[in-house]
Amino acid sequence: MTELWMLGAFFLFVLAAVSVAGYFVMGRTAGQTAAAEPGPSSLLTTHRQSDGFGGLVRVFEIIGENVPGARAADNPLRAQLIQAGYRLASAVRIFYGIKCASALTFGMLVLGIALWAPADPMLPAICAAAFGFMIPDRVLARVKKARNLRLRRGLPSAMDMLVLAVEAGQSIDQAMVATSRGLKSNYPDLAAELTTLQLEARASNNRTEALRNFASRTKEPELKKFAALLLDTDRFGTSVGPALRDHAKYLRIRFRQEAQETARKVGVKLIFPVFFLIFPSVVLVTLGPAVILIFTQLKGLLGN
């Protein structure tokens, strides 16, 4: 009976792990495809449900609907999901469903293993369930960080394209549209954000509010500076082209300095693996035969 418990728990664990990984991977692929397609209708569905995982996502959504606070409009988790690129209206419920499924899977897995031990298996199962409930939060934080990095890397190229469009005689709105189209292949996340900004400004007829929403939606410091730059040029009536060109140059210098700083930190970070992993191996290889020889000779002398 215990073997059946372990087999069932292991099967559920593998199923949940593959499902969660597939959801995030397929969702990211669908989001990039949607951002690369022309037309404004592909924007607000950055992570659409794929045909293969639509039923599984629906199951997660049904599970998440029963979690308190999943339907609240002011849930802070919705802002985090938007920062990660998940803009579906049901994204919060789906995420809560994934958290519950992960907690249940880890709890049942540890419960099946703990049945072998003579102690009470409930406490390890509860701890494993709590651990599984927190794992999706860590995954979401990593996805959000990776997306912010992609947005930051594409910003200098976006500024260069804006400068070219503005100096060619286009308005800032037309330059935004042209820049978002040009960035779809290399930086689809930034292209989607710029197109969302343009659509919001066109719908509300208030570019200032759209830029503020753009900065608060992404939470990326460099994008906040970009939005503040456009707001200042619009408020003071200065030329947009030179300001964007100077800021793009500043960003490239700063990214180069950050890369140099990271490269200089490598030597310090290598001290620990060298000292704890490589140095003991070198000592063992170089001094090991000598120690064995000395020990053998001393043993012979003491034996005589």
Protein backbone atom coordinates (compact mmCIF):
# COMPACT_ATOMS: atom_id res chain seq x y z
CA MET A 1 0.00 0.00 0.00
CA THR A 2 2.87 2.35 0.78
CA GLU A 3 4.42 1.71 -2.62
CA LEU A 4 1.18 2.75 -4.28
CA TRP A 5 1.12 5.95 -2.25
CA MET A 6 4.65 6.80 -3.33
CA LEU A 7 3.98 6.03 -6.99
CA GLY A 8 0.82 8.14 -6.98
CA ALA A 9 2.53 11.05 -5.22
CA PHE A 10 5.47 10.92 -7.63
CA PHE A 11 3.11 10.87 -10.61
CA LEU A 12 1.21 13.89 -9.32
CA PHE A 13 4.43 15.76 -8.63
CA VAL A 14 5.77 15.17 -12.14
CA LEU A 15 2.39 16.11 -13.64
CA ALA A 16 2.22 19.36 -11.69
CA ALA A 17 5.84 20.28 -12.43
CA VAL A 18 5.42 19.69 -16.16
CA SER A 19 2.11 21.57 -16.17
CA VAL A 20 3.49 24.63 -14.39
CA ALA A 21 6.63 24.72 -16.54
CA GLY A 22 4.57 24.26 -19.69
CA TYR A 23 2.17 27.01 -18.68
CA PHE A 24 4.94 29.57 -18.18
CA VAL A 25 6.94 28.52 -21.25
CA MET A 26 3.95 28.31 -23.58
CA GLY A 27 2.52 31.51 -22.15
CA ARG A 28 5.77 33.34 -22.81
CA THR A 29 5.96 31.99 -26.36
CA ALA A 30 2.36 32.98 -27.05
CA GLY A 31 3.05 36.43 -25.63
CA GLN A 32 6.00 37.03 -27.91
CA THR A 33 4.02 35.79 -30.92
CA ALA A 34 1.12 38.07 -30.06
CA ALA A 35 3.44 41.04 -29.66
CA ALA A 36 5.04 40.33 -33.03
CA GLU A 37 1.74 40.21 -34.91
CA PRO A 38 0.59 43.46 -36.53
CA GLY A 39 -2.44 45.29 -35.32
CA PRO A 40 -3.51 46.65 -31.94
CA SER A 41 -5.74 43.66 -31.12
CA SER A 42 -2.73 41.54 -30.15
CA LEU A 43 -1.66 43.82 -27.33
CA LEU A 44 -3.90 43.14 -24.43
CA THR A 45 -3.59 39.38 -24.90
CA THR A 46 0.13 39.15 -24.33
CA HIS A 47 -0.20 35.70 -22.82
CA ARG A 48 -3.09 33.96 -24.48
CA GLN A 49 -4.11 30.43 -23.68
CA SER A 50 -2.64 28.02 -26.17
CA ASP A 51 -4.71 25.20 -27.61
CA GLY A 52 -2.70 22.49 -25.91
CA PHE A 53 -2.87 23.98 -22.41
CA GLY A 54 -6.23 25.73 -22.55
CA GLY A 55 -8.00 22.99 -20.59
CA LEU A 56 -5.30 22.86 -17.93
CA VAL A 57 -5.31 26.64 -17.56
CA ARG A 58 -9.08 26.52 -17.18
CA VAL A 59 -8.69 23.98 -14.36
CA PHE A 60 -6.24 26.29 -12.60
CA GLU A 61 -8.67 29.17 -13.03
CA ILE A 62 -11.53 27.18 -11.49
CA ILE A 63 -9.33 26.27 -8.53
CA GLY A 64 -8.19 29.87 -8.09
CA GLU A 65 -11.74 31.22 -8.12
CA ASN A 66 -12.31 29.66 -4.70
CA VAL A 67 -9.35 31.47 -3.12
CA PRO A 68 -10.38 34.55 -1.11
CA GLY A 69 -9.28 37.76 -2.75
CA ALA A 70 -8.72 36.25 -6.20
CA ARG A 71 -11.54 38.32 -7.73
CA ALA A 72 -10.59 41.56 -5.98
CA ALA A 73 -9.76 44.35 -8.41
CA ASP A 74 -7.22 45.90 -6.04
CA ASN A 75 -5.30 42.69 -5.46
CA PRO A 76 -1.56 43.63 -5.43
CA LEU A 77 -0.77 40.37 -7.20
CA ARG A 78 -2.40 41.73 -10.38
CA ALA A 79 0.22 44.49 -10.62
CA GLN A 80 3.01 41.94 -10.26
CA LEU A 81 1.51 39.77 -12.98
CA ILE A 82 1.22 42.78 -15.28
CA GLN A 83 4.88 43.57 -14.65
CA ALA A 84 5.71 39.99 -15.62
CA GLY A 85 3.67 40.38 -18.84
CA TYR A 86 0.51 38.47 -17.89
CA ARG A 87 -2.39 40.82 -18.66
CA LEU A 88 -5.30 38.42 -18.85
CA ALA A 89 -8.30 39.33 -16.72
CA SER A 90 -8.17 35.85 -15.18
CA ALA A 91 -4.40 35.90 -14.56
CA VAL A 92 -4.81 36.30 -10.79
CA ARG A 93 -7.20 33.38 -10.52
CA ILE A 94 -4.96 31.19 -12.69
CA PHE A 95 -1.95 32.04 -10.57
CA TYR A 96 -3.78 31.23 -7.35
CA GLY A 97 -4.83 27.93 -8.90
CA ILE A 98 -1.19 27.15 -9.73
CA LYS A 99 -0.20 27.95 -6.15
CA CYS A 100 -2.86 25.65 -4.74
CA ALA A 101 -1.94 22.85 -7.15
CA SER A 102 1.74 23.21 -6.28
CA ALA A 103 1.00 23.12 -2.55
CA LEU A 104 -1.20 20.04 -2.90
CA THR A 105 1.36 18.23 -5.03
CA PHE A 106 4.28 18.87 -2.70
CA GLY A 107 2.18 18.01 0.35
CA MET A 108 1.03 14.69 -1.10
CA LEU A 109 4.54 13.83 -2.28
CA VAL A 110 6.10 14.40 1.13
CA LEU A 111 3.17 12.67 2.82
CA GLY A 112 3.74 9.58 0.69
CA ILE A 113 7.45 9.58 1.53
CA ALA A 114 6.86 10.27 5.23
CA LEU A 115 4.62 7.24 5.55
CA TRP A 116 7.78 5.18 5.59
CA ALA A 117 8.99 6.93 8.74
CA PRO A 118 7.66 5.93 12.17
CA ALA A 119 7.03 9.58 13.13
CA ASP A 120 3.89 11.59 12.43
CA PRO A 121 3.84 12.37 8.67
CA MET A 122 1.46 15.34 8.90
CA LEU A 123 3.99 17.98 9.98
CA PRO A 124 6.41 17.35 7.07
CA ALA A 125 3.45 17.30 4.68
CA ILE A 126 2.18 20.66 5.95
CA CYS A 127 5.66 22.19 5.66
CA ALA A 128 6.02 20.83 2.12
CA ALA A 129 2.60 22.22 1.19
CA ALA A 130 3.62 25.65 2.47
CA PHE A 131 6.86 25.40 0.51
CA GLY A 132 4.98 24.44 -2.65
CA PHE A 133 2.56 27.33 -2.13
CA MET A 134 5.47 29.81 -2.15
CA ILE A 135 7.34 28.38 -5.16
CA PRO A 136 5.16 30.13 -7.81
CA ASP A 137 5.90 33.47 -6.13
CA ARG A 138 9.61 32.90 -6.59
CA VAL A 139 9.07 31.88 -10.22
CA LEU A 140 6.98 35.00 -10.82
CA ALA A 141 9.70 37.19 -9.31
CA ARG A 142 12.29 35.68 -11.66
CA VAL A 143 10.01 36.11 -14.68
CA LYS A 144 9.35 39.72 -13.72
CA LYS A 145 13.06 40.41 -13.29
CA ALA A 146 13.89 38.82 -16.65
CA ARG A 147 11.21 40.88 -18.41
CA ASN A 148 12.44 44.11 -16.82
CA LEU A 149 15.93 43.28 -18.06
CA ARG A 150 14.61 42.78 -21.60
CA LEU A 151 12.75 46.09 -21.43
CA ARG A 152 15.85 47.89 -20.20
CA ARG A 153 18.06 46.42 -22.91
CA GLY A 154 15.72 47.48 -25.69
CA LEU A 155 15.31 51.05 -24.51
CA PRO A 156 18.39 52.58 -26.24
CA SER A 157 17.37 51.08 -29.58
CA ALA A 158 13.83 52.40 -29.09
CA MET A 159 15.18 55.89 -28.41
CA ASP A 160 17.32 55.79 -31.54
CA MET A 161 14.30 54.82 -33.63
CA LEU A 162 12.23 57.57 -32.00
CA VAL A 163 14.93 60.12 -32.83
CA LEU A 164 15.01 59.01 -36.47
CA ALA A 165 11.23 59.16 -36.76
CA VAL A 166 10.91 62.55 -35.05
CA GLU A 167 13.72 64.14 -37.04
CA ALA A 168 12.16 62.75 -40.22
CA GLY A 169 9.13 64.94 -39.57
CA GLN A 170 6.74 62.57 -37.82
CA SER A 171 4.84 63.45 -34.69
CA ILE A 172 5.60 61.74 -31.41
CA ASP A 173 2.49 59.56 -31.76
CA GLN A 174 3.46 58.40 -35.24
CA ALA A 175 7.03 57.85 -34.02
CA MET A 176 5.73 55.63 -31.22
CA VAL A 177 3.81 53.50 -33.70
CA ALA A 178 6.79 53.19 -36.05
CA THR A 179 9.13 52.35 -33.17
CA SER A 180 6.83 49.66 -31.79
CA ARG A 181 6.64 48.07 -35.25
CA GLY A 182 10.40 48.12 -35.63
CA LEU A 183 11.00 46.54 -32.21
CA LYS A 184 8.59 43.62 -32.59
CA SER A 185 11.17 41.12 -33.80
CA ASN A 186 14.02 41.92 -31.39
CA TYR A 187 12.26 43.38 -28.34
CA PRO A 188 8.62 42.24 -28.38
CA ASP A 189 7.99 43.15 -24.72
CA LEU A 190 9.03 46.76 -25.20
CA ALA A 191 7.14 46.92 -28.50
CA ALA A 192 3.97 45.76 -26.74
CA GLU A 193 4.41 48.33 -23.97
CA LEU A 194 4.93 51.17 -26.44
CA THR A 195 1.90 50.16 -28.48
CA THR A 196 -0.18 49.92 -25.30
CA LEU A 197 1.03 53.42 -24.41
CA GLN A 198 0.01 54.74 -27.81
CA LEU A 199 -3.41 53.08 -27.69
CA GLU A 200 -4.09 54.41 -24.20
CA ALA A 201 -3.05 57.92 -25.21
CA ARG A 202 -5.30 57.72 -28.28
CA ALA A 203 -8.26 56.38 -26.31
CA SER A 204 -8.06 58.89 -23.44
CA ASN A 205 -6.69 61.79 -25.51
CA ASN A 206 -4.31 62.47 -22.61
CA ARG A 207 -0.71 61.59 -23.33
CA THR A 208 0.48 62.76 -19.90
CA GLU A 209 -1.75 60.32 -18.06
CA ALA A 210 -0.83 57.55 -20.49
CA LEU A 211 2.89 58.12 -19.85
CA ARG A 212 2.33 58.06 -16.10
CA ASN A 213 0.41 54.82 -16.38
CA PHE A 214 3.20 53.44 -18.56
CA ALA A 215 5.78 54.22 -15.87
CA SER A 216 3.67 52.82 -13.03
CA ARG A 217 2.73 49.69 -14.99
CA THR A 218 6.26 48.56 -15.72
CA LYS A 219 7.95 49.62 -12.45
CA GLU A 220 11.28 49.69 -14.29
CA PRO A 221 13.44 52.69 -13.25
CA GLU A 222 14.82 53.31 -16.73
CA LEU A 223 11.35 53.31 -18.26
CA LYS A 224 10.24 55.74 -15.56
CA LYS A 225 13.08 58.05 -16.59
CA PHE A 226 12.07 57.67 -20.21
CA ALA A 227 8.47 58.61 -19.38
CA ALA A 228 9.66 61.56 -17.27
CA LEU A 229 11.83 62.74 -20.18
CA LEU A 230 8.87 62.74 -22.56
CA LEU A 231 6.71 64.50 -19.97
CA ASP A 232 9.32 67.22 -19.42
CA THR A 233 9.83 67.83 -23.13
CA ASP A 234 6.07 68.08 -23.61
CA ARG A 235 5.63 70.41 -20.63
CA PHE A 236 8.52 72.78 -21.37
CA GLY A 237 8.19 72.64 -25.16
CA THR A 238 11.77 71.54 -25.80
CA SER A 239 12.90 69.47 -28.77
CA VAL A 240 12.36 65.74 -28.34
CA GLY A 241 15.10 64.53 -30.71
CA PRO A 242 18.21 65.92 -28.95
CA ALA A 243 16.87 64.94 -25.53
CA LEU A 244 16.26 61.34 -26.61
CA ARG A 245 19.65 61.15 -28.34
CA ASP A 246 21.49 62.35 -25.24
CA HIS A 247 19.54 60.02 -22.99
CA ALA A 248 20.22 57.03 -25.26
CA LYS A 249 23.95 57.87 -25.15
CA TYR A 250 23.77 58.10 -21.36
CA LEU A 251 22.03 54.72 -21.15
CA ARG A 252 24.65 53.01 -23.29
CA ILE A 253 27.46 54.46 -21.19
CA ARG A 254 25.70 53.33 -18.03
CA PHE A 255 25.10 49.81 -19.36
CA ARG A 256 28.76 49.61 -20.37
CA GLN A 257 29.82 50.67 -16.88
CA GLU A 258 27.50 48.12 -15.29
CA ALA A 259 28.99 45.39 -17.49
CA GLN A 260 32.51 46.44 -16.49
CA GLU A 261 31.51 46.46 -12.84
CA THR A 262 30.06 42.96 -13.15
CA ALA A 263 33.23 41.76 -14.87
CA ARG A 264 35.40 43.13 -12.07
CA LYS A 265 33.29 41.34 -9.47
CA VAL A 266 34.00 37.96 -11.08
CA GLY A 267 37.48 37.78 -9.54
CA VAL A 268 36.10 38.34 -6.06
CA LYS A 269 33.31 35.82 -6.53
CA LEU A 270 35.79 33.19 -7.74
CA ILE A 271 37.63 33.27 -4.41
CA PHE A 272 35.10 31.03 -2.68
CA PRO A 273 34.93 28.20 -5.26
CA VAL A 274 38.71 28.35 -5.73
CA PHE A 275 39.38 28.17 -2.00
CA PHE A 276 36.76 25.58 -1.06
CA LEU A 277 36.68 23.40 -4.21
CA ILE A 278 39.75 23.80 -6.38
CA PHE A 279 42.41 24.42 -3.71
CA PRO A 280 41.61 21.27 -1.67
CA SER A 281 41.79 19.20 -4.87
CA VAL A 282 45.17 20.70 -5.78
CA VAL A 283 46.50 20.04 -2.28
CA LEU A 284 45.23 16.47 -2.38
CA VAL A 285 46.83 15.78 -5.76
CA THR A 286 50.18 17.41 -4.96
CA LEU A 287 50.66 16.46 -1.30
CA GLY A 288 48.65 13.25 -1.23
CA PRO A 289 51.35 10.91 -2.61
CA ALA A 290 54.01 12.48 -0.38
CA VAL A 291 51.85 12.05 2.72
CA ILE A 292 51.14 8.43 1.82
CA LEU A 293 54.86 7.78 1.28
CA ILE A 294 55.82 9.42 4.58
CA PHE A 295 53.13 7.49 6.43
CA THR A 296 54.31 4.19 4.89
CA GLN A 297 57.96 4.83 5.79
CA LEU A 298 57.13 5.89 9.33
CA LYS A 299 54.96 2.81 9.75
CA GLY A 300 57.87 0.63 8.59
CA LEU A 301 60.27 2.34 10.98
CA LEU A 302 57.92 2.09 13.93
CA GLY A 303 57.25 -1.56 13.10
CA ASN A 304 60.95 -2.39 13.17
